[in-house]
N, C-alpha and C. Protein backbone atom coordinates (compact mmCIF):
# COMPACT_ATOMS: atom_id res chain seq x y z
N MET A 1 1.03 -1.33 -0.03
CA MET A 1 0.03 -0.03 -0.37
C MET A 1 0.66 1.50 -0.35
N PHE A 2 2.09 1.03 0.77
CA PHE A 2 2.61 2.36 0.79
C PHE A 2 3.10 2.70 -0.33
N GLY A 3 3.35 1.53 -1.46
CA GLY A 3 4.29 1.73 -2.12
C GLY A 3 3.28 2.82 -3.61
N PHE A 4 2.27 2.07 -3.38
CA PHE A 4 1.07 3.11 -3.99
C PHE A 4 0.55 4.03 -3.94
N VAL A 5 1.31 4.52 -2.29
CA VAL A 5 0.95 6.16 -1.95
C VAL A 5 1.76 7.21 -2.53
N ILE A 6 3.09 6.01 -2.46
CA ILE A 6 4.28 6.91 -2.97
C ILE A 6 4.33 7.40 -4.35
N GLY A 7 3.88 6.04 -5.39
CA GLY A 7 4.00 6.03 -6.69
C GLY A 7 2.57 7.09 -6.87
N THR A 8 1.72 6.80 -6.27
CA THR A 8 0.73 8.30 -6.87
C THR A 8 1.27 9.45 -6.20
N VAL A 9 1.78 9.78 -5.23
CA VAL A 9 1.96 11.30 -5.16
C VAL A 9 3.28 11.54 -5.82
N CYS A 10 4.50 10.75 -6.43
CA CYS A 10 5.25 11.32 -7.43
C CYS A 10 4.73 11.71 -8.83
N LEU A 11 3.78 10.42 -9.31
CA LEU A 11 2.43 11.13 -10.08
C LEU A 11 2.00 12.10 -10.18
N VAL A 12 1.00 12.52 -9.00
CA VAL A 12 0.66 13.68 -9.37
C VAL A 12 1.66 14.80 -8.97
N LEU A 13 2.75 14.79 -8.63
CA LEU A 13 3.37 15.98 -8.50
C LEU A 13 4.22 15.90 -9.95
N LEU A 14 4.61 15.42 -10.60
CA LEU A 14 5.02 15.46 -11.85
C LEU A 14 3.78 15.85 -12.88
N ILE A 15 2.73 15.12 -12.59
CA ILE A 15 1.84 16.00 -13.36
C ILE A 15 0.88 17.92 -13.42
N GLY A 16 1.32 18.04 -11.79
CA GLY A 16 1.42 18.81 -11.34
C GLY A 16 2.11 20.09 -12.33
N THR A 17 3.50 19.65 -11.97
CA THR A 17 4.55 20.09 -12.70
C THR A 17 4.72 20.30 -14.34
N LEU A 18 3.64 19.01 -14.92
CA LEU A 18 3.53 19.64 -16.45
C LEU A 18 2.37 20.58 -16.29
N ARG A 19 1.40 20.76 -15.43
CA ARG A 19 0.51 21.53 -15.51
C ARG A 19 1.11 22.80 -15.74
N ARG A 20 1.57 23.34 -14.44
CA ARG A 20 2.46 24.59 -14.40
C ARG A 20 3.23 25.09 -15.25
N ARG A 21 3.64 23.94 -15.64
CA ARG A 21 4.88 24.49 -17.14
C ARG A 21 3.51 25.17 -18.16
N HIS A 22 2.55 24.43 -18.18
CA HIS A 22 1.53 24.43 -19.79
C HIS A 22 0.91 25.97 -19.04
N TRP A 23 0.50 26.22 -17.98
CA TRP A 23 -0.37 27.38 -18.04
C TRP A 23 1.00 28.68 -17.76
N HIS A 24 2.25 28.80 -17.01
CA HIS A 24 3.30 28.76 -16.98
C HIS A 24 3.46 29.67 -18.61
N HIS A 25 3.98 28.53 -19.45
CA HIS A 25 4.93 28.78 -21.01
C HIS A 25 3.14 29.96 -21.69
N HIS A 26 1.79 29.64 -21.83
CA HIS A 26 1.13 30.30 -22.22
C HIS A 26 0.21 31.23 -21.82
N GLY A 27 0.65 31.19 -20.51
CA GLY A 27 -0.30 32.04 -19.54
C GLY A 27 0.74 33.53 -19.59
N HIS A 28 2.02 33.56 -19.87
CA HIS A 28 2.74 35.13 -19.46
C HIS A 28 3.47 35.31 -21.00
N GLY A 29 3.63 34.44 -21.50
CA GLY A 29 4.23 35.04 -22.53
C GLY A 29 5.94 34.84 -22.61
N HIS A 30 6.25 34.39 -21.49
CA HIS A 30 7.57 34.33 -21.83
C HIS A 30 8.17 33.31 -20.94
N HIS A 31 9.04 32.87 -21.34
CA HIS A 31 10.27 31.70 -21.05
C HIS A 31 11.12 31.40 -19.68
N ARG A 32 11.88 32.74 -19.44
CA ARG A 32 12.73 32.83 -19.02
C ARG A 32 12.59 32.70 -17.08
N GLY A 33 13.86 32.46 -16.84
CA GLY A 33 13.84 32.55 -15.40
C GLY A 33 12.99 31.07 -14.91
N GLY A 34 12.68 31.20 -13.34
CA GLY A 34 12.14 30.19 -12.53
C GLY A 34 12.84 29.01 -11.75
N PHE A 35 12.24 28.67 -10.70
CA PHE A 35 13.02 27.59 -10.17
C PHE A 35 12.18 26.42 -10.33
N GLY A 36 10.57 26.82 -10.82
CA GLY A 36 9.59 25.61 -10.22
C GLY A 36 9.59 24.80 -11.22
N PRO A 37 8.85 23.38 -10.85
CA PRO A 37 8.66 22.78 -11.83
C PRO A 37 8.02 23.19 -13.27
N ARG A 38 7.62 23.96 -13.45
CA ARG A 38 7.52 24.47 -14.88
C ARG A 38 8.89 25.14 -15.38
N ALA A 39 9.60 25.58 -14.99
CA ALA A 39 11.01 25.99 -15.76
C ALA A 39 11.58 24.70 -15.88
N LEU A 40 11.65 23.83 -14.53
CA LEU A 40 12.28 22.05 -14.98
C LEU A 40 12.05 21.72 -16.16
N LEU A 41 10.52 21.62 -16.97
CA LEU A 41 10.17 20.71 -17.87
C LEU A 41 10.11 21.72 -19.04
N TRP A 42 10.36 22.89 -18.88
CA TRP A 42 10.94 24.32 -20.26
C TRP A 42 12.07 23.79 -20.21
N ARG A 43 13.09 23.82 -18.94
CA ARG A 43 14.53 23.59 -19.39
C ARG A 43 14.46 21.97 -20.17
N LEU A 44 13.99 21.34 -19.83
CA LEU A 44 13.83 19.59 -20.59
C LEU A 44 13.88 19.70 -21.64
N LEU A 45 12.60 20.61 -22.19
CA LEU A 45 11.98 20.50 -23.87
C LEU A 45 13.25 21.71 -24.62
N ARG A 46 14.01 22.44 -23.52
CA ARG A 46 14.37 23.21 -24.55
C ARG A 46 16.00 22.53 -24.36
N ARG A 47 16.75 21.55 -23.48
CA ARG A 47 17.68 20.72 -23.69
C ARG A 47 17.67 19.74 -24.55
N ILE A 48 16.02 19.57 -24.76
CA ILE A 48 16.36 17.58 -25.98
C ILE A 48 16.21 18.99 -26.98
N ASP A 49 15.92 20.23 -27.16
CA ASP A 49 15.62 20.39 -28.21
C ASP A 49 14.38 20.68 -29.25
N ALA A 50 13.92 20.31 -28.58
CA ALA A 50 12.26 19.42 -28.39
C ALA A 50 11.06 20.87 -29.78
N THR A 51 10.66 20.37 -30.91
CA THR A 51 10.01 21.08 -31.46
C THR A 51 8.43 21.05 -30.90
N PRO A 52 8.05 22.38 -31.77
CA PRO A 52 6.83 22.76 -31.57
C PRO A 52 5.77 21.62 -31.50
N ALA A 53 5.91 20.40 -32.66
CA ALA A 53 5.27 19.33 -32.39
C ALA A 53 5.19 18.56 -31.42
N GLN A 54 6.54 18.33 -30.53
CA GLN A 54 6.75 17.88 -29.99
C GLN A 54 6.40 18.20 -28.74
N GLU A 55 6.34 19.21 -28.19
CA GLU A 55 6.01 20.08 -27.47
C GLU A 55 4.58 20.17 -27.03
N LYS A 56 3.51 20.02 -28.25
CA LYS A 56 2.22 19.83 -27.95
C LYS A 56 2.11 18.31 -27.84
N VAL A 57 2.86 17.25 -27.94
CA VAL A 57 2.47 15.83 -27.48
C VAL A 57 2.93 15.84 -25.87
N PHE A 58 4.01 16.36 -25.51
CA PHE A 58 4.07 16.58 -24.34
C PHE A 58 3.44 17.28 -23.56
N ARG A 59 2.60 18.52 -24.24
CA ARG A 59 1.60 19.47 -23.26
C ARG A 59 0.22 18.18 -23.53
N ASP A 60 -0.06 17.55 -24.17
CA ASP A 60 -1.72 17.55 -24.73
C ASP A 60 -1.71 15.39 -23.44
N GLU A 61 -0.48 14.87 -23.74
CA GLU A 61 -0.24 13.97 -22.62
C GLU A 61 -0.36 14.24 -21.08
N ALA A 62 0.47 15.41 -20.97
CA ALA A 62 -0.29 16.08 -19.71
C ALA A 62 -1.20 16.15 -19.41
N ALA A 63 -1.82 16.86 -19.73
CA ALA A 63 -3.44 17.02 -20.03
C ALA A 63 -4.04 15.83 -19.73
N VAL A 64 -3.73 14.48 -20.42
CA VAL A 64 -4.44 13.55 -20.53
C VAL A 64 -4.10 13.26 -19.16
N LEU A 65 -3.02 13.10 -18.78
CA LEU A 65 -2.67 12.17 -17.37
C LEU A 65 -3.76 12.82 -16.18
N ARG A 66 -3.56 14.50 -16.53
CA ARG A 66 -4.06 15.36 -15.54
C ARG A 66 -4.89 14.96 -15.05
N GLU A 67 -6.17 14.92 -16.02
CA GLU A 67 -7.78 14.82 -15.84
C GLU A 67 -7.41 13.09 -15.65
N THR A 68 -6.68 12.01 -16.13
CA THR A 68 -6.90 10.65 -15.24
C THR A 68 -6.87 10.75 -13.27
N VAL A 69 -6.00 11.68 -13.58
CA VAL A 69 -5.46 11.55 -11.98
C VAL A 69 -6.77 12.21 -11.43
N ARG A 70 -7.59 13.08 -12.18
CA ARG A 70 -8.54 14.16 -11.52
C ARG A 70 -9.53 13.47 -10.93
N GLY A 71 -9.57 12.40 -12.12
CA GLY A 71 -10.60 11.37 -11.95
C GLY A 71 -10.30 9.59 -10.86
N LEU A 72 -9.47 9.88 -10.74
CA LEU A 72 -8.87 8.72 -9.52
C LEU A 72 -8.84 9.41 -8.39
N ARG A 73 -8.35 10.77 -8.12
CA ARG A 73 -8.64 11.49 -7.32
C ARG A 73 -9.61 10.73 -6.02
N GLY A 74 -11.34 11.01 -6.52
CA GLY A 74 -12.09 10.70 -5.81
C GLY A 74 -12.25 9.32 -5.10
N GLU A 75 -11.61 8.80 -5.78
CA GLU A 75 -11.80 7.08 -5.67
C GLU A 75 -10.50 6.99 -4.65
N MET A 76 -9.75 7.64 -4.58
CA MET A 76 -8.74 7.41 -4.13
C MET A 76 -9.31 7.97 -2.53
N LYS A 77 -9.97 8.85 -2.11
CA LYS A 77 -10.44 9.77 -1.08
C LYS A 77 -11.44 8.49 -0.99
N ALA A 78 -12.27 7.91 -1.51
CA ALA A 78 -13.06 6.96 -1.04
C ALA A 78 -12.65 5.38 -0.35
N SER A 79 -11.40 4.96 -0.85
CA SER A 79 -10.44 4.45 -0.18
C SER A 79 -10.08 4.87 0.90
N GLY A 80 -9.70 5.47 0.86
CA GLY A 80 -9.52 6.34 2.79
C GLY A 80 -10.62 6.28 3.10
N LYS A 81 -11.57 6.61 3.21
CA LYS A 81 -12.57 6.85 4.38
C LYS A 81 -12.91 4.87 4.54
N ASP A 82 -12.58 4.37 3.41
CA ASP A 82 -13.02 3.24 4.02
C ASP A 82 -12.23 2.46 4.59
N LEU A 83 -10.57 2.65 4.84
CA LEU A 83 -9.86 2.22 5.50
C LEU A 83 -10.05 2.92 6.65
N ALA A 84 -10.59 4.36 6.75
CA ALA A 84 -10.48 4.80 8.20
C ALA A 84 -12.19 3.91 8.75
N ILE A 85 -12.66 3.40 8.35
CA ILE A 85 -14.15 2.69 8.55
C ILE A 85 -13.62 1.21 9.50
N ALA A 86 -12.63 0.62 8.41
CA ALA A 86 -12.41 -0.47 8.43
C ALA A 86 -11.66 -0.69 10.14
N LEU A 87 -10.48 0.83 10.19
CA LEU A 87 -9.90 1.10 11.51
C LEU A 87 -10.75 1.27 12.64
N ARG A 88 -11.97 2.00 12.36
CA ARG A 88 -13.20 2.21 13.70
C ARG A 88 -13.60 0.95 14.22
N GLU A 89 -13.65 -0.23 13.45
CA GLU A 89 -14.53 -0.93 13.63
C GLU A 89 -13.77 -1.94 15.06
N GLU A 90 -14.53 -2.50 15.90
CA GLU A 90 -14.24 -3.18 17.16
C GLU A 90 -13.46 -4.33 16.59
N THR A 91 -13.73 -4.92 16.06
CA THR A 91 -12.75 -6.49 15.30
C THR A 91 -12.08 -5.81 13.78
N PHE A 92 -11.07 -5.99 13.65
CA PHE A 92 -10.30 -6.56 12.19
C PHE A 92 -10.34 -7.16 11.15
N ASP A 93 -10.70 -6.30 10.56
CA ASP A 93 -11.29 -7.32 9.30
C ASP A 93 -10.66 -7.54 8.22
N ARG A 94 -9.83 -8.22 8.30
CA ARG A 94 -8.78 -8.67 7.26
C ARG A 94 -9.50 -8.64 5.86
N GLN A 95 -10.28 -9.45 5.51
CA GLN A 95 -11.30 -9.71 4.13
C GLN A 95 -11.47 -7.82 3.70
N LYS A 96 -12.07 -7.15 4.43
CA LYS A 96 -12.22 -5.72 4.09
C LYS A 96 -10.76 -5.38 3.74
N LEU A 97 -10.05 -5.38 4.50
CA LEU A 97 -8.54 -4.37 4.44
C LEU A 97 -8.89 -5.26 2.87
N GLU A 98 -8.10 -6.67 2.31
CA GLU A 98 -8.07 -7.01 1.48
C GLU A 98 -8.73 -6.45 0.61
N SER A 99 -10.11 -6.37 0.26
CA SER A 99 -10.68 -5.45 -0.52
C SER A 99 -10.48 -4.28 -0.91
N ILE A 100 -9.76 -3.81 -0.01
CA ILE A 100 -9.43 -1.79 -0.25
C ILE A 100 -8.83 -2.11 -0.80
N TYR A 101 -7.48 -3.17 -0.76
CA TYR A 101 -6.03 -3.41 -1.53
C TYR A 101 -6.81 -3.64 -3.13
N ARG A 102 -7.66 -4.43 -3.07
CA ARG A 102 -7.83 -4.92 -4.81
C ARG A 102 -8.23 -3.47 -5.08
N LYS A 103 -9.00 -2.87 -4.06
CA LYS A 103 -9.54 -1.63 -5.11
C LYS A 103 -8.32 -0.53 -5.45
N GLN A 104 -7.39 -0.47 -4.76
CA GLN A 104 -6.22 0.24 -5.12
C GLN A 104 -5.37 -0.17 -6.00
N ASP A 105 -4.80 -1.45 -6.45
CA ASP A 105 -4.65 -2.11 -7.24
C ASP A 105 -5.21 -1.73 -8.47
N GLU A 106 -6.41 -1.50 -8.43
CA GLU A 106 -7.29 -1.43 -9.27
C GLU A 106 -7.01 -0.10 -10.37
N LEU A 107 -6.78 0.93 -9.36
CA LEU A 107 -6.78 2.14 -9.60
C LEU A 107 -5.01 2.51 -10.14
N LEU A 108 -4.56 1.63 -9.24
CA LEU A 108 -2.86 1.84 -9.65
C LEU A 108 -2.85 1.50 -11.41
N ALA A 109 -3.41 -0.14 -11.48
CA ALA A 109 -3.45 -0.80 -12.63
C ALA A 109 -3.83 0.26 -14.11
N SER A 110 -5.16 1.08 -13.83
CA SER A 110 -5.47 2.11 -14.90
C SER A 110 -4.38 2.97 -15.21
N LEU A 111 -3.95 3.53 -13.97
CA LEU A 111 -3.14 4.75 -14.01
C LEU A 111 -1.70 4.53 -14.53
N ARG A 112 -1.37 3.13 -14.45
CA ARG A 112 -0.08 2.52 -14.96
C ARG A 112 -0.56 2.35 -16.18
N GLU A 113 -1.69 1.70 -16.67
CA GLU A 113 -2.15 1.69 -17.87
C GLU A 113 -1.94 3.11 -19.10
N ARG A 114 -2.66 4.20 -18.62
CA ARG A 114 -2.27 5.70 -19.10
C ARG A 114 -1.30 6.15 -19.46
N LEU A 115 -0.26 5.76 -17.85
CA LEU A 115 1.00 6.64 -18.19
C LEU A 115 2.14 5.87 -19.34
N SER A 116 2.22 4.14 -19.64
CA SER A 116 2.52 3.69 -20.45
C SER A 116 1.99 3.99 -21.82
N THR A 117 0.41 4.70 -21.87
CA THR A 117 0.11 4.81 -23.39
C THR A 117 1.09 6.12 -23.67
N SER A 118 1.13 7.09 -22.26
CA SER A 118 1.00 8.28 -22.83
C SER A 118 2.58 8.76 -22.98
N LEU A 119 3.38 7.78 -22.00
CA LEU A 119 4.60 7.51 -21.94
C LEU A 119 5.68 7.24 -23.53
N GLY A 120 4.15 5.99 -24.19
CA GLY A 120 4.41 5.30 -25.49
C GLY A 120 4.82 6.52 -26.72
N ARG A 121 3.31 7.27 -26.52
CA ARG A 121 3.43 8.32 -27.14
C ARG A 121 4.56 9.45 -27.19
N VAL A 122 4.95 9.92 -26.12
CA VAL A 122 5.84 10.91 -26.16
C VAL A 122 7.16 10.25 -26.48
N HIS A 123 7.38 8.85 -26.58
CA HIS A 123 8.49 8.07 -26.75
C HIS A 123 8.64 8.57 -28.11
N SER A 124 7.76 7.63 -29.02
CA SER A 124 7.63 8.05 -30.71
C SER A 124 7.98 9.25 -30.91
N THR A 125 7.83 10.49 -30.24
CA THR A 125 8.20 11.77 -30.77
C THR A 125 9.33 11.87 -30.81
N LEU A 126 10.45 11.68 -30.10
CA LEU A 126 12.11 11.71 -30.30
C LEU A 126 12.63 10.88 -31.32
N ASP A 127 13.70 11.50 -31.13
CA ASP A 127 14.45 11.42 -31.85
C ASP A 127 15.45 10.41 -30.92
N ALA A 128 16.85 9.72 -31.54
CA ALA A 128 18.02 8.91 -31.08
C ALA A 128 17.90 9.64 -29.94
N ARG A 129 18.80 11.11 -30.25
CA ARG A 129 19.65 11.78 -29.66
C ARG A 129 18.45 12.39 -28.14
N GLN A 130 17.60 12.59 -27.93
CA GLN A 130 16.64 13.30 -27.11
C GLN A 130 16.59 12.26 -26.59
N ARG A 131 16.36 11.07 -27.06
CA ARG A 131 15.66 9.73 -26.11
C ARG A 131 16.98 9.81 -25.06
N ASN A 132 18.32 9.74 -25.22
CA ASN A 132 19.19 9.11 -25.03
C ASN A 132 19.44 10.05 -23.70
N GLU A 133 19.30 11.76 -24.66
CA GLU A 133 19.52 13.05 -23.45
C GLU A 133 18.47 12.94 -21.95
N ILE A 134 17.41 12.59 -22.55
CA ILE A 134 16.23 12.50 -21.20
C ILE A 134 16.99 11.09 -20.09
N ALA A 135 17.48 9.95 -20.95
CA ALA A 135 17.97 8.14 -20.33
C ALA A 135 18.99 9.10 -19.67
N ASP A 136 19.73 9.65 -19.96
CA ASP A 136 20.91 10.20 -19.14
C ASP A 136 20.80 11.50 -18.23
N LEU A 137 19.72 12.54 -17.98
CA LEU A 137 19.30 12.67 -17.13
C LEU A 137 18.36 11.70 -15.81
N LEU A 138 17.89 10.81 -16.25
CA LEU A 138 17.30 9.96 -15.63
C LEU A 138 18.27 9.16 -14.88
N GLU A 139 19.32 8.37 -15.41
CA GLU A 139 20.54 8.15 -14.83
C GLU A 139 21.18 8.92 -13.60
N ARG A 140 21.14 9.91 -13.81
CA ARG A 140 22.18 10.90 -12.92
C ARG A 140 20.81 11.28 -11.80
N GLY A 141 19.41 10.81 -11.76
CA GLY A 141 18.43 11.11 -10.85
C GLY A 141 17.82 11.74 -11.37
N GLY A 142 17.81 13.02 -11.94
CA GLY A 142 17.14 13.94 -12.91
C GLY A 142 17.74 15.53 -11.76
N ARG A 143 18.75 15.46 -11.85
CA ARG A 143 19.03 16.42 -10.87
C ARG A 143 19.18 18.05 -11.52
N ALA A 144 18.53 18.97 -11.27
CA ALA A 144 18.47 20.25 -11.53
C ALA A 144 19.81 20.34 -12.10
N SER A 145 20.49 20.27 -11.20
CA SER A 145 22.58 20.56 -11.24
C SER A 145 22.84 20.16 -12.89
N CYS A 146 21.92 19.03 -13.25
CA CYS A 146 22.39 18.26 -14.51
C CYS A 146 21.77 19.27 -15.68
N TRP A 147 21.20 19.73 -15.31
CA TRP A 147 20.80 20.52 -16.56
C TRP A 147 21.68 22.22 -17.11
């Protein structure tokens, strides 16, 4: 369960980063400065020398992921409420807990599927050099100092 929570938090932060980048890019009409998530994505796109068409794919897939997470958010809250109910009961019901875990596993599976599809679409727009640039950043831990 903790892996699911950590993975979900990471994904939500990634989507927030992409969403804020989109707002910054289109909302202010400039691309300089900044240390936040918006600036990081812009620097990544600049570093890989992304074309406008590639940037559009990144933005579109980020929007799809954001909507997917938005849709799952309510279900995750319900799962948290179910867990709270299970903890308040006089006796511990392992079957209820397993049911909650199954529901979370299904949510995670749908999120993974959507993420895989989005990553596949982004990957297909990149050339070998761009893929290698991103892979190198990931191997180094994606630290901003590497950019």
